């Protein structure tokens, strides 16, 4: 924006404040919806977020860490016991994270978190962080309707986890039901609002 100062021939350019960059950690689990993580990264970056990715071992079967690293512009974390680093990734990432998004979240990871299990980098990180955690489930509709899965979701909600509920849509198994990952736009809006 340019401002003209009276009685002078000087124009001064007023600097608009830069938006604050939000530090987001994106947890990607082993669901066919993992391919949407790339779009989530791009859309978060468009909304002034810096995204660091943690992938479960199962997620790497659907999409490669190289793809996630190329899109995020950062190292991707997959292993709790990275031999190339002296630091404990789950502790270091937990200190930096301002907000956490697990998308897609599987019944397995939801169940582990609901019961305090931390047997991989993602679950250890989530249990360690003090950042707000948002979970966007994606799974078969019968799995999502299972009473144990519902109980695990409710347990996490009681502990302050925020759920971005799945929607009705065509699932990988060919059926149509509730279990489809929420729309990317809705996920990103929720993250921006939660920060």
Protein backbone atom coordinates (compact mmCIF):
# COMPACT_ATOMS: atom_id res chain seq x y z
CA UNK A 1 0.00 0.00 0.00
CA UNK A 2 1.38 3.45 -0.91
CA UNK A 3 0.86 6.53 1.25
CA UNK A 4 1.39 10.09 0.01
CA UNK A 5 2.81 12.40 2.68
CA UNK A 6 1.42 15.96 2.36
CA UNK A 7 3.82 18.85 1.66
CA UNK A 8 6.40 16.45 0.30
CA UNK A 9 7.02 14.71 -2.92
CA UNK A 10 7.84 11.49 -1.09
CA UNK A 11 5.81 8.37 -1.26
CA UNK A 12 6.33 5.87 1.52
CA UNK A 13 5.43 2.26 1.07
CA UNK A 14 3.60 1.02 4.16
CA UNK A 15 4.36 -2.59 4.97
CA UNK A 16 1.45 -4.80 5.74
CA UNK A 17 2.15 -7.20 8.59
CA UNK A 18 2.97 -10.71 7.43
CA UNK A 19 0.55 -13.37 8.58
CA UNK A 20 1.93 -15.61 11.32
CA UNK A 21 3.12 -18.97 10.06
CA UNK A 22 1.39 -21.78 11.93
CA UNK A 23 3.44 -24.92 12.67
CA UNK A 24 1.30 -27.94 11.76
CA UNK A 25 2.28 -31.57 12.14
CA UNK A 26 0.34 -33.82 9.78
CA UNK A 27 0.05 -37.48 10.77
CA UNK A 28 -0.71 -39.77 7.83
CA UNK A 29 -2.00 -43.29 8.52
CA UNK A 30 -2.39 -46.40 6.37
CA UNK A 31 -5.66 -45.71 4.59
CA UNK A 32 -6.32 -45.51 0.87
CA UNK A 33 -7.21 -41.86 1.58
CA UNK A 34 -3.50 -41.23 2.31
CA UNK A 35 -3.16 -39.99 -1.28
CA UNK A 36 -5.19 -36.91 -0.24
CA UNK A 37 -2.48 -35.88 2.23
CA UNK A 38 -0.62 -34.11 -0.57
CA UNK A 39 -3.62 -31.89 -1.26
CA UNK A 40 -3.98 -31.20 2.47
CA UNK A 41 -0.35 -30.07 2.63
CA UNK A 42 -0.75 -27.68 -0.31
CA UNK A 43 -3.99 -26.21 1.01
CA UNK A 44 -2.51 -25.69 4.49
CA UNK A 45 0.52 -23.98 2.94
CA UNK A 46 -1.86 -21.67 1.07
CA UNK A 47 -3.26 -20.74 4.50
CA UNK A 48 0.10 -19.76 6.03
CA UNK A 49 0.95 -23.10 7.60
CA UNK A 50 4.30 -24.84 7.64
CA UNK A 51 3.66 -28.58 7.52
CA UNK A 52 5.84 -31.35 8.92
CA UNK A 53 4.71 -34.90 8.13
CA UNK A 54 4.82 -38.03 10.26
CA UNK A 55 3.83 -41.21 8.44
CA UNK A 56 3.01 -44.59 9.91
CA UNK A 57 4.74 -47.61 8.40
CA UNK A 58 1.38 -48.60 6.85
CA UNK A 59 0.96 -45.14 5.25
CA UNK A 60 4.19 -45.62 3.33
CA UNK A 61 2.54 -48.53 1.50
CA UNK A 62 0.03 -46.08 -0.03
CA UNK A 63 2.17 -42.98 -0.65
CA UNK A 64 5.91 -42.47 -0.44
CA UNK A 65 7.77 -40.31 2.08
CA UNK A 66 9.58 -38.74 -0.91
CA UNK A 67 6.25 -37.44 -2.24
CA UNK A 68 5.34 -35.97 1.15
CA UNK A 69 8.81 -34.44 1.53
CA UNK A 70 8.67 -32.90 -1.95
CA UNK A 71 5.30 -31.32 -1.23
CA UNK A 72 6.05 -30.14 2.30
CA UNK A 73 9.62 -29.05 1.59
CA UNK A 74 10.69 -30.72 4.84
CA UNK A 75 12.01 -34.03 6.10
CA UNK A 76 9.34 -36.66 6.63
CA UNK A 77 9.43 -38.74 9.80
CA UNK A 78 8.52 -42.42 9.65
CA UNK A 79 10.60 -44.21 12.26
CA UNK A 80 10.90 -43.66 15.99
CA UNK A 81 14.45 -45.04 15.87
CA UNK A 82 16.07 -42.97 13.13
CA UNK A 83 19.73 -44.00 13.18
CA UNK A 84 20.79 -40.82 11.38
CA UNK A 85 19.72 -38.52 14.21
CA UNK A 86 20.71 -38.19 17.86
CA UNK A 87 17.46 -36.41 18.80
CA UNK A 88 14.20 -38.08 19.72
CA UNK A 89 11.84 -37.02 16.94
CA UNK A 90 8.65 -37.39 18.97
CA UNK A 91 10.00 -35.04 21.65
CA UNK A 92 11.49 -32.48 19.24
CA UNK A 93 8.37 -32.37 17.05
CA UNK A 94 6.11 -32.17 20.11
CA UNK A 95 7.91 -29.02 21.25
CA UNK A 96 7.51 -27.29 17.86
CA UNK A 97 3.95 -28.26 16.97
CA UNK A 98 1.24 -25.65 17.37
CA UNK A 99 -1.49 -27.86 15.95
CA UNK A 100 -1.69 -31.54 14.97
CA UNK A 101 -3.84 -33.07 12.25
CA UNK A 102 -4.14 -36.82 11.75
CA UNK A 103 -5.60 -37.32 8.28
CA UNK A 104 -6.48 -39.90 7.32
CA UNK A 105 -6.82 -41.50 10.75
CA UNK A 106 -7.38 -45.26 10.86
CA UNK A 107 -9.32 -47.30 13.41
CA UNK A 108 -5.97 -48.74 14.50
CA UNK A 109 -4.35 -45.40 15.37
CA UNK A 110 -7.55 -44.09 16.98
CA UNK A 111 -7.69 -47.25 19.13
CA UNK A 112 -4.05 -46.97 20.15
CA UNK A 113 -4.41 -43.31 21.15
CA UNK A 114 -7.65 -43.97 23.06
CA UNK A 115 -5.85 -46.58 25.13
CA UNK A 116 -2.61 -44.67 25.69
CA UNK A 117 -0.48 -46.87 23.46
CA UNK A 118 2.61 -45.33 21.87
CA UNK A 119 4.30 -48.06 19.84
CA UNK A 120 5.24 -45.97 16.80
CA UNK A 121 6.44 -42.45 16.09
CA UNK A 122 3.00 -40.96 15.41
CA UNK A 123 1.32 -42.27 18.56
CA UNK A 124 4.36 -41.45 20.73
CA UNK A 125 4.37 -37.91 19.30
CA UNK A 126 0.63 -37.37 19.90
CA UNK A 127 0.86 -38.61 23.48
CA UNK A 128 3.84 -36.28 24.06
CA UNK A 129 2.56 -33.06 22.48
CA UNK A 130 0.57 -30.37 24.24
CA UNK A 131 -0.71 -29.01 20.93
CA UNK A 132 -4.35 -29.26 19.92
CA UNK A 133 -5.01 -32.53 18.08
CA UNK A 134 -7.55 -32.87 15.28
CA UNK A 135 -8.48 -36.26 13.87
CA UNK A 136 -10.04 -36.88 10.44
CA UNK A 137 -11.00 -40.57 10.24
CA UNK A 138 -11.21 -42.50 6.97
CA UNK A 139 -12.22 -46.16 6.89
CA UNK A 140 -14.82 -48.66 5.77
CA UNK A 141 -18.33 -47.68 6.92
CA UNK A 142 -18.75 -50.93 8.88
CA UNK A 143 -15.50 -50.26 10.71
CA UNK A 144 -16.53 -46.69 11.52
CA UNK A 145 -19.93 -47.91 12.79
CA UNK A 146 -18.33 -50.54 15.05
CA UNK A 147 -19.18 -49.87 18.71
CA UNK A 148 -15.55 -50.29 19.82
CA UNK A 149 -14.39 -47.68 17.30
CA UNK A 150 -17.21 -45.35 18.42
CA UNK A 151 -16.20 -45.83 22.05
CA UNK A 152 -12.57 -45.04 21.20
CA UNK A 153 -13.61 -41.86 19.35
CA UNK A 154 -15.80 -40.76 22.27
CA UNK A 155 -13.00 -41.46 24.73
CA UNK A 156 -10.64 -39.22 22.75
CA UNK A 157 -13.30 -36.50 22.47
CA UNK A 158 -13.59 -36.51 26.28
CA UNK A 159 -9.86 -35.85 26.45
CA UNK A 160 -10.13 -32.81 24.15
CA UNK A 161 -9.34 -34.34 20.77
CA UNK A 162 -11.34 -32.68 17.99
CA UNK A 163 -12.86 -34.88 15.29
CA UNK A 164 -13.48 -33.82 11.72
CA UNK A 165 -16.14 -36.42 11.03
CA UNK A 166 -16.05 -38.58 7.91
CA UNK A 167 -18.77 -38.12 5.32
CA UNK A 168 -20.91 -40.40 3.20
CA UNK A 169 -19.21 -41.30 -0.04
CA UNK A 170 -17.86 -44.06 -2.26
CA UNK A 171 -15.38 -46.16 -0.32
CA UNK A 172 -12.40 -48.17 -1.57
CA UNK A 173 -14.34 -51.40 -1.13
CA UNK A 174 -16.94 -50.17 -3.65
CA UNK A 175 -19.76 -49.46 -1.22
CA UNK A 176 -21.20 -46.07 -0.37
CA UNK A 177 -21.31 -45.19 3.31
CA UNK A 178 -20.08 -42.96 6.12
CA UNK A 179 -16.33 -43.41 6.40
CA UNK A 180 -15.11 -41.31 3.49
CA UNK A 181 -12.50 -38.70 4.52
CA UNK A 182 -14.09 -35.28 5.07
CA UNK A 183 -13.72 -32.79 2.23
CA UNK A 184 -10.24 -31.23 2.09
CA UNK A 185 -11.72 -27.73 2.20
CA UNK A 186 -13.57 -28.55 5.43
CA UNK A 187 -10.46 -30.07 7.00
CA UNK A 188 -8.36 -27.02 6.16
CA UNK A 189 -11.04 -24.58 7.38
CA UNK A 190 -11.21 -26.45 10.69
CA UNK A 191 -7.42 -26.31 11.11
CA UNK A 192 -7.31 -22.59 10.34
CA UNK A 193 -10.16 -21.89 12.77
CA UNK A 194 -8.63 -24.09 15.49
CA UNK A 195 -5.32 -22.26 15.48
